[in-house]
């Protein structure tokens, strides 16, 4: 399979925060934001794999800043690394100032999706070839994040987490 660039999977979802999507403080519910991130990541995974994809896990989410009612919220998602049938997708969340158009990063998350056929059986996906410095950093960290997730879920033994062990051996 021919490698693809992360930018080929780039998905940008732009929306406005409405009153019915907010908590008592007038800020976007976390679950609403997670759903938007999941949709954007799903589209990015589909664009990369050209297959049906399913959410395997939400590996990491950071709610750094509240997103108030009326905000324009932008979710940018793209594949950071592809494994055999799974893909790590990084989502960056921004708000956009109505007057200046300036974007401020407010949240981020990392999702894992698996490409499947029509029977739900996992299928191979193309590898990723990172191009920018940020893409390379996310690509290189993806294997450590995958091993940590597998270790925490009990699906691999500590001795099999070679990338994680290397972090501690080199310190």
N, C-alpha and C. Protein backbone atom coordinates (compact mmCIF):
# COMPACT_ATOMS: atom_id res chain seq x y z
N UNK A 1 0.84 -1.18 0.00
CA UNK A 1 0.00 0.00 0.00
C UNK A 1 0.88 1.24 0.00
N UNK A 2 0.48 2.20 -0.78
CA UNK A 2 1.22 3.45 -0.87
C UNK A 2 0.94 4.33 0.34
N UNK A 3 2.01 4.89 0.91
CA UNK A 3 1.87 5.77 2.06
C UNK A 3 1.14 7.05 1.68
N UNK A 4 0.45 7.63 2.66
CA UNK A 4 -0.28 8.87 2.45
C UNK A 4 0.22 9.93 3.41
N UNK A 5 0.00 11.16 3.03
CA UNK A 5 0.33 12.29 3.90
C UNK A 5 -0.82 12.54 4.87
N UNK A 6 -0.52 12.98 6.09
CA UNK A 6 -1.62 13.31 7.02
C UNK A 6 -2.58 14.35 6.45
N UNK A 7 -2.08 15.28 5.64
CA UNK A 7 -2.95 16.34 5.12
C UNK A 7 -4.04 15.79 4.19
N UNK A 8 -3.84 14.59 3.67
CA UNK A 8 -4.87 13.99 2.81
C UNK A 8 -6.11 13.62 3.61
N UNK A 9 -5.96 13.47 4.91
CA UNK A 9 -7.10 13.10 5.76
C UNK A 9 -7.69 14.30 6.50
N UNK A 10 -7.08 15.48 6.32
CA UNK A 10 -7.50 16.66 7.08
C UNK A 10 -9.01 16.88 6.95
N UNK A 11 -9.65 17.03 8.10
CA UNK A 11 -11.08 17.31 8.17
C UNK A 11 -11.26 18.51 9.08
N UNK A 12 -12.01 19.49 8.60
CA UNK A 12 -12.27 20.69 9.39
C UNK A 12 -13.78 20.80 9.56
N UNK A 13 -14.22 20.72 10.81
CA UNK A 13 -15.64 20.83 11.13
C UNK A 13 -15.83 22.16 11.86
N UNK A 14 -16.67 23.03 11.30
CA UNK A 14 -16.91 24.35 11.90
C UNK A 14 -18.38 24.46 12.26
N UNK A 15 -18.64 24.95 13.46
CA UNK A 15 -20.02 25.03 13.95
C UNK A 15 -20.12 26.15 14.97
N UNK A 16 -21.34 26.49 15.34
CA UNK A 16 -21.58 27.50 16.36
C UNK A 16 -22.20 26.84 17.58
N UNK A 17 -21.82 27.31 18.76
CA UNK A 17 -22.35 26.78 20.00
C UNK A 17 -23.69 27.44 20.28
N UNK A 18 -24.73 26.61 20.36
CA UNK A 18 -26.09 27.10 20.58
C UNK A 18 -26.49 26.93 22.06
N UNK A 19 -27.46 27.70 22.53
CA UNK A 19 -27.85 27.65 23.95
C UNK A 19 -28.22 26.26 24.45
N UNK A 20 -28.88 25.45 23.63
CA UNK A 20 -29.29 24.11 24.05
C UNK A 20 -28.14 23.13 24.20
N UNK A 21 -26.92 23.55 23.84
CA UNK A 21 -25.75 22.68 23.92
C UNK A 21 -24.83 23.06 25.08
N UNK A 22 -25.35 23.91 25.97
CA UNK A 22 -24.49 24.45 27.02
C UNK A 22 -24.96 24.04 28.42
N UNK A 23 -24.04 24.15 29.37
CA UNK A 23 -24.33 23.86 30.77
C UNK A 23 -24.88 25.10 31.47
N UNK A 24 -25.05 25.04 32.77
CA UNK A 24 -25.63 26.14 33.54
C UNK A 24 -24.75 27.39 33.52
N UNK A 25 -23.49 27.24 33.18
CA UNK A 25 -22.59 28.40 33.09
C UNK A 25 -22.57 29.01 31.68
N UNK A 26 -23.33 28.40 30.77
CA UNK A 26 -23.36 28.92 29.40
C UNK A 26 -22.19 28.47 28.54
N UNK A 27 -21.54 27.37 28.94
CA UNK A 27 -20.42 26.82 28.17
C UNK A 27 -20.81 25.49 27.54
N UNK A 28 -20.21 25.19 26.42
CA UNK A 28 -20.47 23.96 25.69
C UNK A 28 -20.26 22.75 26.60
N UNK A 29 -21.26 21.83 26.62
CA UNK A 29 -21.12 20.58 27.34
C UNK A 29 -19.91 19.82 26.78
N UNK A 30 -19.13 19.16 27.66
CA UNK A 30 -18.00 18.36 27.22
C UNK A 30 -18.42 17.26 26.27
N UNK A 31 -19.57 16.64 26.55
CA UNK A 31 -20.06 15.55 25.68
C UNK A 31 -20.40 16.04 24.28
N UNK A 32 -20.90 17.26 24.18
CA UNK A 32 -21.18 17.85 22.86
C UNK A 32 -19.89 18.02 22.08
N UNK A 33 -18.87 18.50 22.77
CA UNK A 33 -17.58 18.68 22.09
C UNK A 33 -16.99 17.33 21.69
N UNK A 34 -17.09 16.34 22.58
CA UNK A 34 -16.58 15.00 22.25
C UNK A 34 -17.27 14.43 21.01
N UNK A 35 -18.56 14.65 20.88
CA UNK A 35 -19.30 14.14 19.71
C UNK A 35 -18.80 14.82 18.44
N UNK A 36 -18.55 16.12 18.49
CA UNK A 36 -18.04 16.84 17.31
C UNK A 36 -16.65 16.34 16.95
N UNK A 37 -15.83 16.12 17.97
CA UNK A 37 -14.48 15.62 17.72
C UNK A 37 -14.54 14.21 17.12
N UNK A 38 -15.43 13.36 17.65
CA UNK A 38 -15.58 11.99 17.14
C UNK A 38 -15.99 12.00 15.67
N UNK A 39 -16.92 12.88 15.31
CA UNK A 39 -17.35 12.96 13.90
C UNK A 39 -16.21 13.41 13.00
N UNK A 40 -15.48 14.44 13.40
CA UNK A 40 -14.37 14.93 12.57
C UNK A 40 -13.29 13.85 12.43
N UNK A 41 -12.96 13.18 13.55
CA UNK A 41 -11.95 12.12 13.50
C UNK A 41 -12.41 10.95 12.64
N UNK A 42 -13.69 10.63 12.70
CA UNK A 42 -14.25 9.55 11.88
C UNK A 42 -14.08 9.87 10.39
N UNK A 43 -14.38 11.08 10.02
CA UNK A 43 -14.25 11.48 8.61
C UNK A 43 -12.78 11.42 8.19
N UNK A 44 -11.87 11.90 9.05
CA UNK A 44 -10.45 11.84 8.74
C UNK A 44 -10.00 10.39 8.53
N UNK A 45 -10.44 9.48 9.41
CA UNK A 45 -10.08 8.06 9.28
C UNK A 45 -10.65 7.46 7.99
N UNK A 46 -11.88 7.84 7.66
CA UNK A 46 -12.48 7.35 6.40
C UNK A 46 -11.71 7.87 5.19
N UNK A 47 -11.32 9.13 5.23
CA UNK A 47 -10.57 9.70 4.11
C UNK A 47 -9.23 8.98 3.94
N UNK A 48 -8.60 8.63 5.03
CA UNK A 48 -7.31 7.95 4.94
C UNK A 48 -7.47 6.51 4.43
N UNK A 49 -8.40 5.80 5.02
CA UNK A 49 -8.52 4.36 4.74
C UNK A 49 -9.42 4.03 3.55
N UNK A 50 -10.31 4.97 3.20
CA UNK A 50 -11.32 4.72 2.15
C UNK A 50 -12.20 3.52 2.53
N UNK A 51 -12.44 3.36 3.83
CA UNK A 51 -13.21 2.24 4.36
C UNK A 51 -14.21 2.72 5.40
N UNK A 52 -15.07 1.81 5.82
CA UNK A 52 -15.93 2.03 6.99
C UNK A 52 -14.98 2.06 8.18
N UNK A 53 -15.20 2.96 9.13
CA UNK A 53 -14.36 3.01 10.32
C UNK A 53 -15.22 3.03 11.57
N UNK A 54 -14.67 2.48 12.64
CA UNK A 54 -15.37 2.47 13.92
C UNK A 54 -14.43 3.04 14.99
N UNK A 55 -15.01 3.73 15.95
CA UNK A 55 -14.23 4.29 17.04
C UNK A 55 -13.78 3.14 17.94
N UNK A 56 -12.48 3.01 18.13
CA UNK A 56 -11.94 1.98 19.02
C UNK A 56 -11.72 2.54 20.41
N UNK A 57 -11.24 3.77 20.49
CA UNK A 57 -11.02 4.38 21.80
C UNK A 57 -10.84 5.88 21.69
N UNK A 58 -11.15 6.53 22.80
CA UNK A 58 -10.81 7.94 22.98
C UNK A 58 -9.65 7.89 23.95
N UNK A 59 -8.46 8.16 23.44
CA UNK A 59 -7.24 7.93 24.22
C UNK A 59 -6.88 9.09 25.13
N UNK A 60 -7.23 10.27 24.72
CA UNK A 60 -6.80 11.43 25.48
C UNK A 60 -7.65 12.63 25.06
N UNK A 61 -8.16 13.33 26.03
CA UNK A 61 -8.90 14.56 25.76
C UNK A 61 -8.49 15.59 26.79
N UNK A 62 -8.25 16.80 26.34
CA UNK A 62 -7.90 17.88 27.25
C UNK A 62 -8.90 19.01 27.05
N UNK A 63 -9.57 19.39 28.12
CA UNK A 63 -10.48 20.53 28.11
C UNK A 63 -9.72 21.70 28.74
N UNK A 64 -8.99 22.44 27.94
CA UNK A 64 -8.17 23.53 28.47
C UNK A 64 -8.95 24.80 28.76
N UNK A 65 -9.89 25.13 27.87
CA UNK A 65 -10.65 26.36 28.03
C UNK A 65 -12.12 26.10 27.74
N UNK A 66 -12.98 26.80 28.47
CA UNK A 66 -14.42 26.68 28.22
C UNK A 66 -14.76 27.31 26.87
N UNK A 67 -15.80 26.79 26.24
CA UNK A 67 -16.26 27.31 24.96
C UNK A 67 -17.66 27.89 25.18
N UNK A 68 -17.77 29.22 25.26
CA UNK A 68 -19.04 29.84 25.61
C UNK A 68 -20.08 29.81 24.48
N UNK A 69 -21.34 29.90 24.87
CA UNK A 69 -22.44 29.97 23.92
C UNK A 69 -22.16 31.09 22.91
N UNK A 70 -22.50 30.83 21.66
CA UNK A 70 -22.29 31.80 20.59
C UNK A 70 -20.93 31.69 19.92
N UNK A 71 -20.02 30.90 20.50
CA UNK A 71 -18.68 30.75 19.92
C UNK A 71 -18.73 29.99 18.61
N UNK A 72 -17.84 30.37 17.71
CA UNK A 72 -17.59 29.54 16.54
C UNK A 72 -16.49 28.57 16.96
N UNK A 73 -16.79 27.29 16.84
CA UNK A 73 -15.84 26.26 17.26
C UNK A 73 -15.39 25.48 16.02
N UNK A 74 -14.09 25.23 15.94
CA UNK A 74 -13.50 24.56 14.78
C UNK A 74 -12.74 23.33 15.28
N UNK A 75 -13.07 22.17 14.72
CA UNK A 75 -12.35 20.94 15.03
C UNK A 75 -11.56 20.56 13.79
N UNK A 76 -10.24 20.49 13.95
CA UNK A 76 -9.36 20.06 12.86
C UNK A 76 -8.82 18.68 13.22
N UNK A 77 -9.07 17.70 12.38
CA UNK A 77 -8.65 16.33 12.66
C UNK A 77 -7.87 15.78 11.48
N UNK A 78 -6.82 15.03 11.79
CA UNK A 78 -6.11 14.29 10.73
C UNK A 78 -5.38 13.11 11.33
N UNK A 79 -5.16 12.12 10.50
CA UNK A 79 -4.49 10.89 10.94
C UNK A 79 -3.05 11.23 11.29
N UNK A 80 -2.63 10.83 12.49
CA UNK A 80 -1.24 11.06 12.89
C UNK A 80 -0.36 9.83 12.67
N UNK A 81 -0.97 8.64 12.71
CA UNK A 81 -0.23 7.41 12.42
C UNK A 81 -1.21 6.30 12.09
N UNK A 82 -0.80 5.45 11.19
CA UNK A 82 -1.60 4.28 10.83
C UNK A 82 -0.80 3.03 11.21
N UNK A 83 -1.50 2.07 11.78
CA UNK A 83 -0.88 0.80 12.12
C UNK A 83 -1.40 -0.23 11.13
N UNK A 84 -1.69 -1.44 11.53
CA UNK A 84 -2.18 -2.44 10.59
C UNK A 84 -3.58 -2.09 10.09
N UNK A 85 -4.53 -2.08 11.01
CA UNK A 85 -5.91 -1.71 10.64
C UNK A 85 -6.41 -0.51 11.43
N UNK A 86 -5.61 -0.09 12.43
CA UNK A 86 -6.02 1.04 13.27
C UNK A 86 -5.29 2.32 12.87
N UNK A 87 -5.91 3.43 13.23
CA UNK A 87 -5.35 4.74 12.93
C UNK A 87 -5.51 5.62 14.16
N UNK A 88 -4.47 6.35 14.50
CA UNK A 88 -4.56 7.36 15.54
C UNK A 88 -4.90 8.68 14.84
N UNK A 89 -5.91 9.35 15.35
CA UNK A 89 -6.33 10.63 14.79
C UNK A 89 -6.21 11.69 15.87
N UNK A 90 -5.55 12.77 15.54
CA UNK A 90 -5.35 13.87 16.46
C UNK A 90 -6.36 14.96 16.11
N UNK A 91 -7.07 15.46 17.10
CA UNK A 91 -8.04 16.54 16.89
C UNK A 91 -7.62 17.77 17.68
N UNK A 92 -7.50 18.88 17.00
CA UNK A 92 -7.24 20.17 17.64
C UNK A 92 -8.52 20.98 17.58
N UNK A 93 -8.89 21.60 18.69
CA UNK A 93 -10.13 22.36 18.77
C UNK A 93 -9.79 23.83 18.99
N UNK A 94 -10.41 24.68 18.18
CA UNK A 94 -10.15 26.11 18.20
C UNK A 94 -11.46 26.87 18.33
N UNK A 95 -11.38 28.07 18.87
CA UNK A 95 -12.50 29.00 18.75
C UNK A 95 -12.02 30.14 17.86
N UNK A 96 -12.96 30.78 17.21
CA UNK A 96 -12.63 31.87 16.30
C UNK A 96 -13.31 33.14 16.76
N UNK A 97 -12.55 34.20 16.94
CA UNK A 97 -13.10 35.49 17.34
C UNK A 97 -13.93 36.04 16.18
N UNK A 98 -15.17 36.44 16.47
CA UNK A 98 -16.08 36.93 15.44
C UNK A 98 -15.55 38.17 14.72
N UNK A 99 -14.91 39.05 15.46
CA UNK A 99 -14.49 40.31 14.87
C UNK A 99 -13.14 40.23 14.17
N UNK A 100 -12.15 39.64 14.83
CA UNK A 100 -10.80 39.62 14.26
C UNK A 100 -10.54 38.38 13.39
N UNK A 101 -11.32 37.32 13.62
CA UNK A 101 -11.08 36.06 12.91
C UNK A 101 -9.93 35.26 13.51
N UNK A 102 -9.33 35.78 14.58
CA UNK A 102 -8.21 35.11 15.22
C UNK A 102 -8.67 33.82 15.88
N UNK A 103 -7.87 32.75 15.68
CA UNK A 103 -8.19 31.45 16.27
C UNK A 103 -7.38 31.24 17.54
N UNK A 104 -8.05 30.64 18.55
CA UNK A 104 -7.41 30.29 19.82
C UNK A 104 -7.63 28.81 20.07
N UNK A 105 -6.53 28.09 20.33
CA UNK A 105 -6.67 26.66 20.63
C UNK A 105 -7.24 26.50 22.03
N UNK A 106 -8.33 25.72 22.13
CA UNK A 106 -9.00 25.55 23.41
C UNK A 106 -8.97 24.12 23.93
N UNK A 107 -8.88 23.14 23.05
CA UNK A 107 -8.91 21.73 23.46
C UNK A 107 -8.20 20.88 22.43
N UNK A 108 -7.94 19.63 22.82
CA UNK A 108 -7.38 18.67 21.87
C UNK A 108 -7.73 17.27 22.34
N UNK A 109 -7.64 16.33 21.42
CA UNK A 109 -7.93 14.94 21.76
C UNK A 109 -7.29 13.99 20.78
N UNK A 110 -7.13 12.76 21.22
CA UNK A 110 -6.56 11.70 20.39
C UNK A 110 -7.53 10.53 20.39
N UNK A 111 -7.93 10.12 19.20
CA UNK A 111 -8.87 9.03 19.03
C UNK A 111 -8.19 7.91 18.26
N UNK A 112 -8.68 6.68 18.45
CA UNK A 112 -8.24 5.55 17.64
C UNK A 112 -9.45 4.98 16.91
N UNK A 113 -9.30 4.80 15.62
CA UNK A 113 -10.33 4.20 14.78
C UNK A 113 -9.76 2.97 14.11
N UNK A 114 -10.63 2.03 13.80
CA UNK A 114 -10.25 0.82 13.08
C UNK A 114 -11.06 0.77 11.80
N UNK A 115 -10.37 0.47 10.69
CA UNK A 115 -11.02 0.30 9.40
C UNK A 115 -11.55 -1.12 9.32
N UNK A 116 -12.79 -1.27 8.86
CA UNK A 116 -13.42 -2.59 8.76
C UNK A 116 -14.11 -2.76 7.41
N UNK A 117 -14.35 -4.03 7.07
CA UNK A 117 -15.15 -4.30 5.88
C UNK A 117 -16.63 -4.33 6.28
N UNK A 118 -17.50 -4.69 5.35
CA UNK A 118 -18.94 -4.66 5.62
C UNK A 118 -19.40 -5.68 6.66
N UNK A 119 -18.54 -6.64 6.97
CA UNK A 119 -18.89 -7.62 8.01
C UNK A 119 -18.31 -7.23 9.37
N UNK A 120 -17.58 -6.12 9.41
CA UNK A 120 -16.98 -5.67 10.66
C UNK A 120 -15.60 -6.24 10.93
N UNK A 121 -15.02 -6.92 9.95
CA UNK A 121 -13.68 -7.48 10.09
C UNK A 121 -12.64 -6.41 9.79
N UNK A 122 -11.65 -6.25 10.67
CA UNK A 122 -10.62 -5.24 10.42
C UNK A 122 -9.87 -5.49 9.11
N UNK A 123 -9.55 -4.39 8.42
CA UNK A 123 -8.81 -4.46 7.15
C UNK A 123 -7.59 -3.54 7.23
N UNK A 124 -6.59 -3.85 6.43
CA UNK A 124 -5.34 -3.07 6.42
C UNK A 124 -5.59 -1.65 5.91
N UNK A 125 -4.79 -0.73 6.43
CA UNK A 125 -4.86 0.67 6.01
C UNK A 125 -3.48 1.12 5.53
N UNK A 126 -3.44 2.14 4.67
CA UNK A 126 -2.15 2.63 4.19
C UNK A 126 -1.34 3.27 5.32
N UNK A 127 -0.01 3.20 5.22
CA UNK A 127 0.82 3.87 6.21
C UNK A 127 0.78 5.39 6.04
N UNK A 128 1.30 6.08 7.03
CA UNK A 128 1.36 7.56 7.01
C UNK A 128 2.81 7.98 6.83
N UNK A 129 3.01 9.01 6.04
CA UNK A 129 4.32 9.61 5.88
C UNK A 129 4.23 11.07 6.32
N UNK A 130 4.64 11.36 7.56
CA UNK A 130 4.53 12.73 8.07
C UNK A 130 5.43 13.68 7.29
N UNK A 131 4.98 14.94 7.17
CA UNK A 131 5.74 15.92 6.40
C UNK A 131 6.23 17.10 7.24
N UNK A 132 5.42 17.56 8.17
CA UNK A 132 5.81 18.72 8.96
C UNK A 132 6.43 18.28 10.29
N UNK A 133 7.03 19.22 11.00
CA UNK A 133 7.63 18.92 12.30
C UNK A 133 6.58 18.39 13.27
N UNK A 134 5.42 19.07 13.34
CA UNK A 134 4.35 18.63 14.23
C UNK A 134 3.85 17.24 13.86
N UNK A 135 3.68 16.99 12.56
CA UNK A 135 3.24 15.66 12.11
C UNK A 135 4.25 14.59 12.51
N UNK A 136 5.54 14.89 12.41
CA UNK A 136 6.58 13.92 12.80
C UNK A 136 6.54 13.66 14.30
N UNK A 137 6.36 14.74 15.10
CA UNK A 137 6.29 14.57 16.55
C UNK A 137 5.10 13.70 16.94
N UNK A 138 3.94 13.96 16.33
CA UNK A 138 2.75 13.17 16.65
C UNK A 138 2.91 11.74 16.17
N UNK A 139 3.50 11.54 15.01
CA UNK A 139 3.74 10.21 14.45
C UNK A 139 4.64 9.41 15.39
N UNK A 140 5.75 10.02 15.82
CA UNK A 140 6.71 9.32 16.67
C UNK A 140 6.11 8.98 18.04
N UNK A 141 5.26 9.84 18.57
CA UNK A 141 4.64 9.59 19.86
C UNK A 141 3.51 8.57 19.81
N UNK A 142 2.98 8.33 18.63
CA UNK A 142 1.81 7.46 18.49
C UNK A 142 2.07 6.03 18.96
N UNK A 143 3.25 5.50 18.66
CA UNK A 143 3.54 4.12 19.07
C UNK A 143 3.62 4.02 20.60
N UNK A 144 4.21 5.03 21.24
CA UNK A 144 4.26 5.04 22.71
C UNK A 144 2.84 5.11 23.28
N UNK A 145 2.01 5.98 22.69
CA UNK A 145 0.63 6.10 23.18
C UNK A 145 -0.14 4.79 22.98
N UNK A 146 0.09 4.13 21.85
CA UNK A 146 -0.59 2.85 21.59
C UNK A 146 -0.14 1.80 22.62
N UNK A 147 1.16 1.72 22.85
CA UNK A 147 1.65 0.75 23.81
C UNK A 147 1.13 1.03 25.21
N UNK A 148 1.06 2.29 25.60
CA UNK A 148 0.53 2.64 26.91
C UNK A 148 -0.93 2.21 27.03
N UNK A 149 -1.71 2.48 25.99
CA UNK A 149 -3.11 2.09 25.99
C UNK A 149 -3.26 0.57 26.10
N UNK A 150 -2.46 -0.17 25.34
CA UNK A 150 -2.51 -1.64 25.39
C UNK A 150 -2.06 -2.17 26.75
N UNK A 151 -1.06 -1.53 27.32
CA UNK A 151 -0.57 -1.92 28.64
C UNK A 151 -1.63 -1.70 29.71
N UNK A 152 -2.26 -0.52 29.69
CA UNK A 152 -3.28 -0.21 30.69
C UNK A 152 -4.51 -1.10 30.57
N UNK A 153 -4.81 -1.54 29.34
CA UNK A 153 -5.97 -2.40 29.15
C UNK A 153 -5.64 -3.88 29.38
N UNK A 154 -4.36 -4.17 29.66
CA UNK A 154 -3.96 -5.55 29.91
C UNK A 154 -3.76 -6.38 28.65
N UNK A 155 -3.71 -5.73 27.51
CA UNK A 155 -3.57 -6.47 26.24
C UNK A 155 -2.12 -6.75 25.86
N UNK A 156 -1.17 -6.09 26.54
CA UNK A 156 0.25 -6.45 26.40
C UNK A 156 0.88 -6.44 27.79
N UNK A 157 2.00 -7.13 27.90
CA UNK A 157 2.74 -7.18 29.16
C UNK A 157 3.76 -6.04 29.18
N UNK A 158 4.15 -5.59 30.37
CA UNK A 158 5.13 -4.50 30.45
C UNK A 158 6.40 -4.75 29.64
N UNK A 159 6.87 -6.00 29.61
CA UNK A 159 8.09 -6.31 28.86
C UNK A 159 7.92 -6.12 27.35
N UNK A 160 6.68 -6.14 26.88
CA UNK A 160 6.42 -5.98 25.45
C UNK A 160 6.28 -4.52 25.03
N UNK A 161 6.27 -3.61 25.98
CA UNK A 161 6.12 -2.18 25.70
C UNK A 161 7.48 -1.55 25.45
N UNK A 162 8.12 -1.93 24.35
CA UNK A 162 9.51 -1.54 24.06
C UNK A 162 9.69 -0.03 23.97
N UNK A 163 8.77 0.67 23.38
CA UNK A 163 8.89 2.13 23.25
C UNK A 163 8.78 2.81 24.60
N UNK A 164 7.93 2.31 25.46
CA UNK A 164 7.81 2.89 26.81
C UNK A 164 9.04 2.60 27.64
N UNK A 165 9.55 1.37 27.55
CA UNK A 165 10.75 1.01 28.29
C UNK A 165 11.93 1.90 27.86
N UNK A 166 12.01 2.19 26.57
CA UNK A 166 13.10 3.01 26.06
C UNK A 166 13.08 4.41 26.67
N UNK A 167 11.90 4.92 26.96
CA UNK A 167 11.79 6.25 27.58
C UNK A 167 12.49 6.28 28.93
N UNK A 168 12.32 5.21 29.71
CA UNK A 168 12.89 5.17 31.05
C UNK A 168 14.36 4.76 31.04
N UNK A 169 14.76 3.98 30.06
CA UNK A 169 16.15 3.55 29.98
C UNK A 169 17.05 4.70 29.55
N UNK A 170 16.51 5.66 28.79
CA UNK A 170 17.31 6.78 28.28
C UNK A 170 17.30 7.98 29.21
N UNK A 171 16.62 7.89 30.36
CA UNK A 171 16.58 9.07 31.25
C UNK A 171 17.66 9.04 32.29
